[in-house]
């Protein structure tokens, strides 16, 4: 199996029992505005309560006009990390990488290495490919072996009054307005969604999970 080394670009940590949410918009200097910039990470129980869904959003602040030409970076690997024994080291990973209009998903499976470097696990028993949904079209979802996946542009789900936040940090305001102004309204992100049976995750019922974007080196 060919080994490909990736360098971590950004990471967001969450802890999931049923729901974990983390967000990071436009404030990671190394990748801000780039194709590997993670804006949101979600992990939650699926509509089927026997499943768990993992969502990574990248490339924030895409206007609808820009989304039509936006695409996933083929040199970027999106990796969902899952720690099942509480030692903050990934025991399982789910990898997603784009090629020629498709998003290829590998895992959940045991990684060959942990930490900053990753090898694409193309020989994983659990894998599928899904067409990347074009902007403005109905979601294309692919299923295989109990795993479901989607990839494509979606409306940014994160609500934040970013200007008011800046005023609070700057000392010119002390609280948020009610209601506030959604800074991200009308903007889109590129989303990767993978839903898997909980039986593929295992563990004690509580997991630590985080997502990384890693650029090919």
N, C-alpha and C. Protein backbone atom coordinates (compact mmCIF):
# COMPACT_ATOMS: atom_id res chain seq x y z
N UNK A 1 0.84 -1.20 0.00
CA UNK A 1 0.00 0.00 0.00
C UNK A 1 0.88 1.24 0.00
N UNK A 2 0.60 2.14 -0.92
CA UNK A 2 1.37 3.37 -1.01
C UNK A 2 1.13 4.24 0.21
N UNK A 3 2.20 4.75 0.77
CA UNK A 3 2.08 5.64 1.92
C UNK A 3 2.19 7.08 1.46
N UNK A 4 1.24 7.89 1.88
CA UNK A 4 1.25 9.31 1.58
C UNK A 4 1.28 10.09 2.87
N UNK A 5 2.23 10.97 3.01
CA UNK A 5 2.37 11.74 4.24
C UNK A 5 1.61 13.05 4.12
N UNK A 6 0.91 13.40 5.18
CA UNK A 6 0.17 14.65 5.22
C UNK A 6 0.63 15.46 6.42
N UNK A 7 0.59 16.76 6.28
CA UNK A 7 0.93 17.68 7.36
C UNK A 7 -0.34 18.31 7.89
N UNK A 8 -0.51 18.29 9.20
CA UNK A 8 -1.72 18.84 9.81
C UNK A 8 -1.81 20.34 9.55
N UNK A 9 -3.01 20.79 9.18
CA UNK A 9 -3.22 22.21 8.94
C UNK A 9 -3.99 22.85 10.07
N UNK A 10 -5.02 22.19 10.54
CA UNK A 10 -5.79 22.74 11.65
C UNK A 10 -6.56 21.62 12.31
N UNK A 11 -6.92 21.76 13.56
CA UNK A 11 -7.65 20.70 14.26
C UNK A 11 -8.62 21.31 15.24
N UNK A 12 -9.72 20.62 15.45
CA UNK A 12 -10.73 21.06 16.40
C UNK A 12 -11.11 19.87 17.26
N UNK A 13 -11.15 20.05 18.56
CA UNK A 13 -11.38 18.95 19.49
C UNK A 13 -12.80 19.00 20.04
N UNK A 14 -13.43 17.84 20.10
CA UNK A 14 -14.74 17.75 20.73
C UNK A 14 -14.81 16.49 21.55
N UNK A 15 -15.75 16.41 22.48
CA UNK A 15 -16.00 15.21 23.26
C UNK A 15 -17.44 14.82 23.02
N UNK A 16 -17.68 13.57 22.60
CA UNK A 16 -19.02 13.18 22.19
C UNK A 16 -19.55 12.04 23.05
N UNK A 17 -20.70 12.26 23.66
CA UNK A 17 -21.50 11.16 24.17
C UNK A 17 -22.69 11.01 23.22
N UNK A 18 -23.43 12.07 23.04
CA UNK A 18 -24.48 12.10 22.03
C UNK A 18 -24.25 13.25 21.05
N UNK A 19 -23.81 14.40 21.53
CA UNK A 19 -23.63 15.55 20.66
C UNK A 19 -22.33 16.27 21.02
N UNK A 20 -21.55 16.62 20.03
CA UNK A 20 -20.39 17.49 20.22
C UNK A 20 -20.37 18.51 19.10
N UNK A 21 -20.09 19.75 19.45
CA UNK A 21 -20.05 20.82 18.46
C UNK A 21 -18.83 21.69 18.74
N UNK A 22 -18.07 21.97 17.71
CA UNK A 22 -16.96 22.91 17.83
C UNK A 22 -16.93 23.76 16.59
N UNK A 23 -16.51 25.01 16.71
CA UNK A 23 -16.50 25.91 15.56
C UNK A 23 -15.29 26.82 15.61
N UNK A 24 -14.79 27.18 14.43
CA UNK A 24 -13.60 28.01 14.31
C UNK A 24 -13.66 28.69 12.95
N UNK A 25 -14.20 29.92 12.91
CA UNK A 25 -14.34 30.63 11.66
C UNK A 25 -13.30 31.74 11.55
N UNK A 26 -12.59 31.74 10.47
CA UNK A 26 -11.72 32.84 10.01
C UNK A 26 -10.72 33.32 11.05
N UNK A 27 -10.34 32.48 12.02
CA UNK A 27 -9.39 32.97 13.02
C UNK A 27 -8.23 32.01 13.24
N UNK A 28 -7.94 31.16 12.26
CA UNK A 28 -6.74 30.32 12.31
C UNK A 28 -5.76 30.87 11.29
N UNK A 29 -4.78 31.66 11.71
CA UNK A 29 -3.95 32.41 10.76
C UNK A 29 -3.27 31.56 9.70
N UNK A 30 -2.87 30.34 10.03
CA UNK A 30 -2.11 29.54 9.07
C UNK A 30 -2.94 29.09 7.89
N UNK A 31 -4.26 28.96 8.08
CA UNK A 31 -5.10 28.42 7.02
C UNK A 31 -6.32 29.28 6.72
N UNK A 32 -6.45 30.42 7.37
CA UNK A 32 -7.63 31.26 7.21
C UNK A 32 -7.84 31.59 5.74
N UNK A 33 -9.08 31.33 5.28
CA UNK A 33 -9.42 31.62 3.91
C UNK A 33 -8.95 30.56 2.93
N UNK A 34 -8.29 29.52 3.40
CA UNK A 34 -7.78 28.48 2.52
C UNK A 34 -8.73 27.31 2.40
N UNK A 35 -8.38 26.39 1.51
CA UNK A 35 -9.25 25.25 1.25
C UNK A 35 -9.22 24.21 2.37
N UNK A 36 -8.24 24.31 3.27
CA UNK A 36 -8.16 23.34 4.37
C UNK A 36 -8.64 23.92 5.70
N UNK A 37 -9.22 25.12 5.67
CA UNK A 37 -9.67 25.78 6.89
C UNK A 37 -10.98 25.15 7.38
N UNK A 38 -10.94 24.50 8.54
CA UNK A 38 -12.13 23.89 9.13
C UNK A 38 -12.94 24.98 9.84
N UNK A 39 -14.23 25.06 9.51
CA UNK A 39 -15.09 26.03 10.18
C UNK A 39 -15.89 25.40 11.32
N UNK A 40 -16.36 24.18 11.12
CA UNK A 40 -17.21 23.54 12.13
C UNK A 40 -16.93 22.04 12.17
N UNK A 41 -17.15 21.47 13.35
CA UNK A 41 -17.14 20.02 13.52
C UNK A 41 -18.33 19.64 14.37
N UNK A 42 -19.09 18.65 13.91
CA UNK A 42 -20.25 18.15 14.65
C UNK A 42 -20.17 16.63 14.74
N UNK A 43 -20.57 16.09 15.88
CA UNK A 43 -20.75 14.65 16.03
C UNK A 43 -22.02 14.45 16.84
N UNK A 44 -22.94 13.65 16.32
CA UNK A 44 -24.23 13.51 16.99
C UNK A 44 -24.88 12.18 16.61
N UNK A 45 -25.82 11.76 17.43
CA UNK A 45 -26.58 10.55 17.15
C UNK A 45 -27.43 10.76 15.91
N UNK A 46 -27.45 9.76 15.02
CA UNK A 46 -28.21 9.88 13.80
C UNK A 46 -29.70 9.75 14.03
N UNK A 47 -30.47 10.02 12.97
CA UNK A 47 -31.92 9.82 13.05
C UNK A 47 -32.21 8.37 13.43
N UNK A 48 -31.42 7.46 12.89
CA UNK A 48 -31.40 6.09 13.37
C UNK A 48 -30.52 6.07 14.61
N UNK A 49 -31.10 5.81 15.77
CA UNK A 49 -30.37 5.94 17.03
C UNK A 49 -29.23 4.95 17.17
N UNK A 50 -29.12 4.01 16.25
CA UNK A 50 -28.01 3.06 16.26
C UNK A 50 -26.79 3.59 15.52
N UNK A 51 -26.92 4.81 14.95
CA UNK A 51 -25.83 5.39 14.17
C UNK A 51 -25.29 6.65 14.83
N UNK A 52 -24.10 7.03 14.44
CA UNK A 52 -23.51 8.31 14.84
C UNK A 52 -23.02 9.02 13.58
N UNK A 53 -23.27 10.31 13.51
CA UNK A 53 -22.90 11.10 12.34
C UNK A 53 -21.74 12.03 12.69
N UNK A 54 -20.80 12.16 11.75
CA UNK A 54 -19.67 13.07 11.87
C UNK A 54 -19.74 14.06 10.71
N UNK A 55 -19.60 15.35 11.03
CA UNK A 55 -19.70 16.39 10.01
C UNK A 55 -18.50 17.32 10.12
N UNK A 56 -17.82 17.55 9.01
CA UNK A 56 -16.75 18.55 8.95
C UNK A 56 -17.12 19.56 7.87
N UNK A 57 -17.09 20.84 8.23
CA UNK A 57 -17.29 21.92 7.27
C UNK A 57 -15.98 22.66 7.07
N UNK A 58 -15.66 22.94 5.81
CA UNK A 58 -14.43 23.66 5.48
C UNK A 58 -14.75 24.81 4.53
N UNK A 59 -13.78 25.71 4.37
CA UNK A 59 -13.89 26.83 3.43
C UNK A 59 -15.07 27.73 3.76
N UNK A 60 -15.02 28.36 4.91
CA UNK A 60 -16.09 29.23 5.34
C UNK A 60 -16.20 30.51 4.54
N UNK A 61 -17.32 31.20 4.75
CA UNK A 61 -17.61 32.50 4.15
C UNK A 61 -17.66 32.46 2.63
N UNK A 62 -18.15 31.33 2.08
CA UNK A 62 -18.37 31.25 0.63
C UNK A 62 -19.71 31.89 0.31
N UNK A 63 -19.71 32.86 -0.57
CA UNK A 63 -20.97 33.45 -1.00
C UNK A 63 -21.65 32.50 -1.98
N UNK A 64 -22.98 32.57 -2.13
CA UNK A 64 -23.65 31.70 -3.11
C UNK A 64 -23.05 31.83 -4.51
N UNK A 65 -22.63 33.03 -4.88
CA UNK A 65 -22.02 33.21 -6.21
C UNK A 65 -20.72 32.43 -6.32
N UNK A 66 -19.96 32.38 -5.23
CA UNK A 66 -18.66 31.70 -5.26
C UNK A 66 -18.81 30.20 -5.12
N UNK A 67 -19.89 29.76 -4.47
CA UNK A 67 -20.03 28.34 -4.18
C UNK A 67 -20.11 27.52 -5.45
N UNK A 68 -20.69 28.08 -6.49
CA UNK A 68 -20.80 27.34 -7.73
C UNK A 68 -19.47 26.92 -8.30
N UNK A 69 -18.42 27.67 -8.00
CA UNK A 69 -17.09 27.33 -8.52
C UNK A 69 -16.18 26.75 -7.44
N UNK A 70 -16.66 26.70 -6.20
CA UNK A 70 -15.85 26.17 -5.11
C UNK A 70 -15.74 24.65 -5.23
N UNK A 71 -14.64 24.13 -4.75
CA UNK A 71 -14.45 22.68 -4.81
C UNK A 71 -13.56 22.24 -3.66
N UNK A 72 -13.60 20.96 -3.36
CA UNK A 72 -12.72 20.40 -2.34
C UNK A 72 -11.30 20.32 -2.90
N UNK A 73 -10.34 20.56 -2.03
CA UNK A 73 -8.93 20.51 -2.41
C UNK A 73 -8.48 19.05 -2.46
N UNK A 74 -8.03 18.61 -3.62
CA UNK A 74 -7.61 17.21 -3.76
C UNK A 74 -6.30 16.91 -3.03
N UNK A 75 -5.61 17.94 -2.57
CA UNK A 75 -4.38 17.74 -1.79
C UNK A 75 -4.64 17.79 -0.29
N UNK A 76 -5.91 17.83 0.10
CA UNK A 76 -6.27 17.89 1.51
C UNK A 76 -7.01 16.63 1.93
N UNK A 77 -6.58 16.05 3.03
CA UNK A 77 -7.25 14.90 3.64
C UNK A 77 -8.02 15.39 4.85
N UNK A 78 -9.30 15.06 4.92
CA UNK A 78 -10.11 15.34 6.10
C UNK A 78 -10.18 14.05 6.91
N UNK A 79 -9.78 14.14 8.18
CA UNK A 79 -9.69 12.93 9.01
C UNK A 79 -10.43 13.12 10.32
N UNK A 80 -11.47 12.30 10.50
CA UNK A 80 -12.19 12.24 11.78
C UNK A 80 -11.45 11.26 12.67
N UNK A 81 -11.04 11.72 13.85
CA UNK A 81 -10.30 10.87 14.79
C UNK A 81 -11.23 10.48 15.94
N UNK A 82 -11.15 9.21 16.36
CA UNK A 82 -12.04 8.68 17.38
C UNK A 82 -11.21 7.96 18.43
N UNK A 83 -11.27 8.46 19.65
CA UNK A 83 -10.58 7.84 20.79
C UNK A 83 -11.62 7.12 21.63
N UNK A 84 -11.51 5.80 21.73
CA UNK A 84 -12.52 5.01 22.43
C UNK A 84 -12.13 4.63 23.85
N UNK A 85 -10.87 4.88 24.25
CA UNK A 85 -10.44 4.43 25.58
C UNK A 85 -9.97 5.56 26.49
N UNK A 86 -10.18 6.81 26.07
CA UNK A 86 -9.94 7.94 26.95
C UNK A 86 -8.49 8.38 27.10
N UNK A 87 -7.59 7.93 26.19
CA UNK A 87 -6.19 8.34 26.32
C UNK A 87 -5.82 9.48 25.37
N UNK A 88 -6.83 10.04 24.68
CA UNK A 88 -6.64 11.16 23.76
C UNK A 88 -5.72 10.82 22.59
N UNK A 89 -5.67 9.56 22.24
CA UNK A 89 -4.98 9.09 21.03
C UNK A 89 -6.01 8.36 20.18
N UNK A 90 -6.02 8.64 18.89
CA UNK A 90 -7.03 8.05 18.03
C UNK A 90 -6.87 6.53 17.92
N UNK A 91 -7.96 5.83 18.20
CA UNK A 91 -8.01 4.38 18.03
C UNK A 91 -8.60 4.01 16.67
N UNK A 92 -9.46 4.89 16.15
CA UNK A 92 -10.08 4.71 14.85
C UNK A 92 -10.05 6.03 14.10
N UNK A 93 -10.03 5.95 12.79
CA UNK A 93 -10.14 7.15 11.97
C UNK A 93 -11.13 6.90 10.84
N UNK A 94 -11.74 7.98 10.39
CA UNK A 94 -12.52 8.00 9.16
C UNK A 94 -11.88 9.06 8.27
N UNK A 95 -11.45 8.69 7.11
CA UNK A 95 -10.74 9.59 6.21
C UNK A 95 -11.61 9.92 5.00
N UNK A 96 -11.52 11.17 4.54
CA UNK A 96 -12.25 11.59 3.35
C UNK A 96 -11.32 12.41 2.48
N UNK A 97 -11.24 12.06 1.20
CA UNK A 97 -10.38 12.78 0.28
C UNK A 97 -11.05 12.84 -1.08
N UNK A 98 -10.95 13.97 -1.74
CA UNK A 98 -11.65 14.20 -3.01
C UNK A 98 -10.75 13.85 -4.20
N UNK A 99 -11.36 13.25 -5.22
CA UNK A 99 -10.68 12.96 -6.48
C UNK A 99 -11.69 13.00 -7.61
N UNK A 100 -11.46 13.87 -8.58
CA UNK A 100 -12.22 13.86 -9.84
C UNK A 100 -13.74 13.85 -9.62
N UNK A 101 -14.21 14.75 -8.78
CA UNK A 101 -15.65 14.90 -8.59
C UNK A 101 -16.28 13.94 -7.61
N UNK A 102 -15.48 13.11 -6.96
CA UNK A 102 -16.00 12.18 -5.97
C UNK A 102 -15.27 12.39 -4.64
N UNK A 103 -15.96 12.08 -3.54
CA UNK A 103 -15.34 12.06 -2.23
C UNK A 103 -15.20 10.60 -1.83
N UNK A 104 -13.96 10.19 -1.58
CA UNK A 104 -13.68 8.82 -1.18
C UNK A 104 -13.55 8.76 0.34
N UNK A 105 -14.27 7.83 0.94
CA UNK A 105 -14.33 7.70 2.40
C UNK A 105 -13.78 6.34 2.80
N UNK A 106 -12.85 6.35 3.75
CA UNK A 106 -12.23 5.12 4.25
C UNK A 106 -12.41 5.06 5.77
N UNK A 107 -12.89 3.94 6.28
CA UNK A 107 -13.07 3.76 7.71
C UNK A 107 -14.53 3.79 8.11
N UNK A 108 -14.79 3.65 9.43
CA UNK A 108 -13.81 3.68 10.52
C UNK A 108 -12.91 2.45 10.53
N UNK A 109 -11.63 2.73 10.76
CA UNK A 109 -10.64 1.67 10.81
C UNK A 109 -9.47 2.11 11.66
N UNK A 110 -8.65 1.17 12.08
CA UNK A 110 -7.49 1.48 12.90
C UNK A 110 -6.41 2.13 12.05
N UNK A 111 -5.87 3.28 12.45
CA UNK A 111 -4.83 3.94 11.65
C UNK A 111 -3.51 3.20 11.74
N UNK A 112 -2.70 3.32 10.69
CA UNK A 112 -1.36 2.73 10.72
C UNK A 112 -0.41 3.57 11.54
N UNK A 113 -0.67 4.88 11.63
CA UNK A 113 0.11 5.78 12.48
C UNK A 113 -0.85 6.73 13.17
N UNK A 114 -0.43 7.29 14.31
CA UNK A 114 -1.23 8.27 15.02
C UNK A 114 -0.48 9.60 15.04
N UNK A 115 -1.21 10.66 15.37
CA UNK A 115 -0.55 11.97 15.46
C UNK A 115 -0.67 12.76 14.18
N UNK A 116 0.39 13.52 13.86
CA UNK A 116 0.32 14.50 12.79
C UNK A 116 0.36 13.91 11.39
N UNK A 117 1.02 12.79 11.21
CA UNK A 117 1.14 12.18 9.89
C UNK A 117 0.09 11.11 9.69
N UNK A 118 -0.40 10.99 8.46
CA UNK A 118 -1.43 10.00 8.16
C UNK A 118 -1.11 9.29 6.85
N UNK A 119 -1.57 8.07 6.77
CA UNK A 119 -1.52 7.29 5.55
C UNK A 119 -2.94 7.02 5.10
N UNK A 120 -3.25 7.26 3.83
CA UNK A 120 -4.59 6.97 3.33
C UNK A 120 -4.82 5.47 3.37
N UNK A 121 -5.90 5.08 4.02
CA UNK A 121 -6.17 3.66 4.30
C UNK A 121 -7.03 3.06 3.20
N UNK A 122 -6.48 3.03 1.99
CA UNK A 122 -7.24 2.60 0.81
C UNK A 122 -7.61 1.13 0.86
N UNK A 123 -6.95 0.35 1.70
CA UNK A 123 -7.27 -1.07 1.81
C UNK A 123 -8.28 -1.38 2.91
N UNK A 124 -8.86 -0.33 3.49
CA UNK A 124 -9.84 -0.53 4.55
C UNK A 124 -11.04 -1.32 4.05
N UNK A 125 -11.55 -2.21 4.90
CA UNK A 125 -12.76 -2.96 4.58
C UNK A 125 -13.95 -2.02 4.44
N UNK A 126 -13.98 -0.99 5.27
CA UNK A 126 -15.07 -0.01 5.25
C UNK A 126 -14.69 1.14 4.34
N UNK A 127 -15.30 1.24 3.18
CA UNK A 127 -15.01 2.35 2.28
C UNK A 127 -16.14 2.53 1.28
N UNK A 128 -16.26 3.75 0.77
CA UNK A 128 -17.23 4.05 -0.27
C UNK A 128 -16.81 5.32 -0.99
N UNK A 129 -17.43 5.57 -2.13
CA UNK A 129 -17.20 6.80 -2.89
C UNK A 129 -18.56 7.42 -3.18
N UNK A 130 -18.66 8.74 -3.04
CA UNK A 130 -19.91 9.44 -3.30
C UNK A 130 -19.63 10.61 -4.23
N UNK A 131 -20.49 10.83 -5.22
CA UNK A 131 -20.36 11.99 -6.08
C UNK A 131 -20.52 13.26 -5.26
N UNK A 132 -19.67 14.24 -5.49
CA UNK A 132 -19.79 15.52 -4.80
C UNK A 132 -20.99 16.27 -5.36
N UNK A 133 -21.92 16.62 -4.49
CA UNK A 133 -23.15 17.28 -4.93
C UNK A 133 -22.85 18.67 -5.47
N UNK A 134 -23.25 18.97 -6.70
CA UNK A 134 -23.04 20.32 -7.24
C UNK A 134 -23.91 21.34 -6.51
N UNK A 135 -23.50 22.58 -6.53
CA UNK A 135 -24.24 23.65 -5.88
C UNK A 135 -25.63 23.76 -6.48
N UNK A 136 -26.64 23.89 -5.60
CA UNK A 136 -28.01 24.09 -6.03
C UNK A 136 -28.76 22.83 -6.37
N UNK A 137 -28.11 21.66 -6.23
CA UNK A 137 -28.79 20.40 -6.54
C UNK A 137 -29.09 19.62 -5.26
N UNK A 138 -30.04 18.70 -5.37
CA UNK A 138 -30.41 17.88 -4.22
C UNK A 138 -29.23 17.04 -3.77
N UNK A 139 -29.18 16.77 -2.47
CA UNK A 139 -28.06 16.05 -1.89
C UNK A 139 -27.92 14.65 -2.49
N UNK A 140 -26.70 14.32 -2.88
CA UNK A 140 -26.37 12.97 -3.33
C UNK A 140 -25.77 12.23 -2.15
N UNK A 141 -26.40 11.13 -1.76
CA UNK A 141 -25.95 10.33 -0.63
C UNK A 141 -25.66 8.92 -1.12
N UNK A 142 -24.52 8.39 -0.71
CA UNK A 142 -24.15 7.03 -1.08
C UNK A 142 -24.08 6.18 0.18
N UNK A 143 -24.48 4.92 0.07
CA UNK A 143 -24.47 4.00 1.21
C UNK A 143 -23.71 2.74 0.84
N UNK A 144 -23.01 2.19 1.83
CA UNK A 144 -22.31 0.92 1.63
C UNK A 144 -22.01 0.30 2.99
N UNK A 145 -22.45 -0.92 3.21
CA UNK A 145 -22.14 -1.62 4.44
C UNK A 145 -22.60 -0.92 5.70
N UNK A 146 -23.71 -0.19 5.62
CA UNK A 146 -24.22 0.53 6.78
C UNK A 146 -23.69 1.94 6.92
N UNK A 147 -22.69 2.31 6.11
CA UNK A 147 -22.10 3.65 6.14
C UNK A 147 -22.78 4.51 5.09
N UNK A 148 -23.04 5.77 5.43
CA UNK A 148 -23.59 6.73 4.48
C UNK A 148 -22.68 7.95 4.42
N UNK A 149 -22.60 8.58 3.24
CA UNK A 149 -21.73 9.75 3.10
C UNK A 149 -22.33 10.76 2.14
N UNK A 150 -22.03 12.02 2.40
CA UNK A 150 -22.40 13.15 1.55
C UNK A 150 -21.22 14.10 1.50
N UNK A 151 -21.05 14.79 0.38
CA UNK A 151 -20.04 15.84 0.28
C UNK A 151 -20.53 16.90 -0.70
N UNK A 152 -20.42 18.17 -0.30
CA UNK A 152 -20.83 19.25 -1.19
C UNK A 152 -21.11 20.52 -0.44
N UNK A 153 -21.52 21.58 -1.15
CA UNK A 153 -21.79 22.87 -0.51
C UNK A 153 -23.10 22.86 0.26
N UNK A 154 -23.09 23.56 1.40
CA UNK A 154 -24.29 23.70 2.22
C UNK A 154 -24.26 25.05 2.91
N UNK A 155 -25.44 25.51 3.32
CA UNK A 155 -25.55 26.77 4.06
C UNK A 155 -24.81 26.64 5.39
N UNK A 156 -24.06 27.66 5.75
CA UNK A 156 -23.30 27.63 7.00
C UNK A 156 -24.27 27.56 8.18
N UNK A 157 -24.20 26.49 9.00
CA UNK A 157 -25.17 26.33 10.09
C UNK A 157 -24.82 27.10 11.35
N UNK A 158 -23.61 27.68 11.39
CA UNK A 158 -23.15 28.30 12.63
C UNK A 158 -23.74 29.70 12.79
N UNK A 159 -24.25 30.01 13.98
CA UNK A 159 -24.80 31.35 14.28
C UNK A 159 -23.84 32.06 15.21
N UNK A 160 -23.42 33.24 14.78
CA UNK A 160 -22.50 34.03 15.60
C UNK A 160 -22.60 35.50 15.22
N UNK A 161 -22.78 36.35 16.22
CA UNK A 161 -22.73 37.79 16.01
C UNK A 161 -21.28 38.21 16.17
N UNK A 162 -20.52 38.06 15.07
CA UNK A 162 -19.08 38.22 15.15
C UNK A 162 -18.67 39.66 15.46
N UNK A 163 -19.40 40.62 14.92
CA UNK A 163 -19.08 42.03 15.19
C UNK A 163 -19.29 42.37 16.66
N UNK A 164 -20.39 41.87 17.22
CA UNK A 164 -20.65 42.14 18.64
C UNK A 164 -19.60 41.45 19.51
N UNK A 165 -19.21 40.25 19.10
CA UNK A 165 -18.15 39.54 19.83
C UNK A 165 -16.87 40.37 19.86
N UNK A 166 -16.54 40.99 18.72
CA UNK A 166 -15.36 41.85 18.67
C UNK A 166 -15.47 43.04 19.59
N UNK A 167 -16.68 43.59 19.70
CA UNK A 167 -16.89 44.73 20.60
C UNK A 167 -16.73 44.31 22.05
N UNK A 168 -17.22 43.12 22.40
CA UNK A 168 -17.08 42.63 23.77
C UNK A 168 -15.61 42.40 24.10
N UNK A 169 -14.89 41.75 23.19
CA UNK A 169 -13.47 41.51 23.41
C UNK A 169 -12.70 42.81 23.50
N UNK A 170 -13.13 43.80 22.69
CA UNK A 170 -12.45 45.10 22.68
C UNK A 170 -12.83 46.01 23.83
N UNK A 171 -13.82 45.59 24.65
CA UNK A 171 -14.19 46.37 25.82
C UNK A 171 -15.21 47.45 25.58
N UNK A 172 -15.80 47.52 24.37
CA UNK A 172 -16.79 48.55 24.09
C UNK A 172 -18.22 48.06 24.28
N UNK A 173 -18.37 46.78 24.63
CA UNK A 173 -19.68 46.22 24.94
C UNK A 173 -19.49 45.14 26.00
N UNK A 174 -20.55 44.84 26.72
CA UNK A 174 -20.43 43.87 27.81
C UNK A 174 -21.28 42.62 27.60
N UNK A 175 -22.20 42.64 26.62
CA UNK A 175 -23.05 41.48 26.41
C UNK A 175 -23.54 41.45 24.97
N UNK A 176 -24.03 40.29 24.57
CA UNK A 176 -24.60 40.15 23.24
C UNK A 176 -26.00 40.73 23.19
N UNK A 177 -26.39 41.21 22.00
CA UNK A 177 -27.75 41.67 21.79
C UNK A 177 -28.70 40.49 21.67
N UNK A 178 -29.95 40.70 22.03
CA UNK A 178 -30.97 39.67 21.90
C UNK A 178 -32.19 40.24 21.17
N UNK A 179 -32.38 39.91 19.88
CA UNK A 179 -31.58 38.94 19.11
C UNK A 179 -30.32 39.60 18.55
N UNK A 180 -29.32 38.76 18.30
CA UNK A 180 -28.11 39.24 17.67
C UNK A 180 -28.22 39.16 16.15
N UNK A 181 -27.16 39.60 15.49
CA UNK A 181 -27.09 39.54 14.03
C UNK A 181 -26.21 38.36 13.63
N UNK A 182 -26.72 37.50 12.77
CA UNK A 182 -25.98 36.33 12.35
C UNK A 182 -24.97 36.73 11.26
N UNK A 183 -23.71 36.82 11.67
CA UNK A 183 -22.66 37.24 10.74
C UNK A 183 -22.54 36.30 9.55
N UNK A 184 -22.85 35.02 9.75
CA UNK A 184 -22.62 34.02 8.71
C UNK A 184 -23.87 33.72 7.88
N UNK A 185 -24.95 34.47 8.10
CA UNK A 185 -26.16 34.29 7.31
C UNK A 185 -25.87 34.57 5.84
N UNK A 186 -26.32 33.69 4.98
CA UNK A 186 -26.12 33.87 3.55
C UNK A 186 -24.82 33.34 3.02
N UNK A 187 -23.97 32.83 3.91
CA UNK A 187 -22.70 32.25 3.47
C UNK A 187 -22.79 30.73 3.49
N UNK A 188 -21.95 30.10 2.69
CA UNK A 188 -21.95 28.65 2.57
C UNK A 188 -20.61 28.07 3.00
N UNK A 189 -20.61 26.76 3.18
CA UNK A 189 -19.40 26.00 3.49
C UNK A 189 -19.40 24.76 2.60
N UNK A 190 -18.25 24.11 2.52
CA UNK A 190 -18.16 22.80 1.88
C UNK A 190 -18.21 21.75 2.98
N UNK A 191 -19.16 20.84 2.89
CA UNK A 191 -19.43 19.89 3.97
C UNK A 191 -19.09 18.45 3.58
N UNK A 192 -18.58 17.72 4.58
CA UNK A 192 -18.42 16.27 4.46
C UNK A 192 -19.17 15.64 5.62
N UNK A 193 -20.10 14.75 5.31
CA UNK A 193 -20.92 14.10 6.34
C UNK A 193 -20.75 12.59 6.19
N UNK A 194 -20.40 11.93 7.28
CA UNK A 194 -20.27 10.47 7.28
C UNK A 194 -21.06 9.93 8.47
N UNK A 195 -21.99 9.04 8.21
CA UNK A 195 -22.78 8.41 9.27
C UNK A 195 -22.45 6.93 9.30
N UNK A 196 -22.14 6.42 10.50
CA UNK A 196 -21.73 5.02 10.63
C UNK A 196 -22.49 4.37 11.78
N UNK A 197 -22.67 3.06 11.73
CA UNK A 197 -23.27 2.35 12.87
C UNK A 197 -22.38 2.47 14.11
N UNK A 198 -23.00 2.66 15.25
CA UNK A 198 -22.24 2.73 16.50
C UNK A 198 -21.45 1.45 16.74
N UNK A 199 -21.95 0.34 16.22
CA UNK A 199 -21.27 -0.93 16.41
C UNK A 199 -19.88 -0.94 15.78
N UNK A 200 -19.64 -0.06 14.81
CA UNK A 200 -18.32 0.05 14.19
C UNK A 200 -17.36 0.87 15.02
N UNK A 201 -17.89 1.59 16.01
CA UNK A 201 -17.06 2.45 16.86
C UNK A 201 -16.64 1.71 18.12
N UNK A 202 -17.59 1.04 18.76
CA UNK A 202 -17.26 0.29 19.97
C UNK A 202 -16.94 1.20 21.12
N UNK A 203 -16.04 0.78 22.01
CA UNK A 203 -15.68 1.58 23.17
C UNK A 203 -16.66 1.41 24.30
N UNK A 204 -16.61 2.33 25.26
CA UNK A 204 -17.38 2.20 26.49
C UNK A 204 -18.68 2.98 26.47
N UNK A 205 -18.97 3.65 25.37
CA UNK A 205 -20.18 4.47 25.29
C UNK A 205 -19.87 5.94 25.25
N UNK A 206 -18.69 6.35 25.69
CA UNK A 206 -18.24 7.73 25.59
C UNK A 206 -16.97 7.75 24.75
N UNK A 207 -16.92 8.64 23.77
CA UNK A 207 -15.75 8.75 22.93
C UNK A 207 -15.24 10.19 22.92
N UNK A 208 -13.95 10.33 22.69
CA UNK A 208 -13.38 11.63 22.34
C UNK A 208 -13.23 11.65 20.82
N UNK A 209 -13.62 12.73 20.21
CA UNK A 209 -13.53 12.80 18.75
C UNK A 209 -13.12 14.18 18.30
N UNK A 210 -12.29 14.25 17.29
CA UNK A 210 -11.84 15.53 16.73
C UNK A 210 -11.59 15.34 15.25
N UNK A 211 -11.53 16.43 14.53
CA UNK A 211 -11.31 16.37 13.10
C UNK A 211 -10.08 17.19 12.74
N UNK A 212 -9.35 16.72 11.75
CA UNK A 212 -8.16 17.42 11.25
C UNK A 212 -8.24 17.52 9.74
N UNK A 213 -7.69 18.59 9.20
CA UNK A 213 -7.44 18.65 7.78
C UNK A 213 -5.93 18.64 7.58
N UNK A 214 -5.47 17.78 6.68
CA UNK A 214 -4.04 17.59 6.49
C UNK A 214 -3.70 17.74 5.01
N UNK A 215 -2.72 18.56 4.72
CA UNK A 215 -2.33 18.80 3.33
C UNK A 215 -1.18 17.90 2.93
N UNK A 216 -1.27 17.39 1.72
CA UNK A 216 -0.24 16.50 1.19
C UNK A 216 1.08 17.24 1.11
N UNK A 217 2.16 16.55 1.53
CA UNK A 217 3.49 17.14 1.51
C UNK A 217 4.40 16.37 0.56
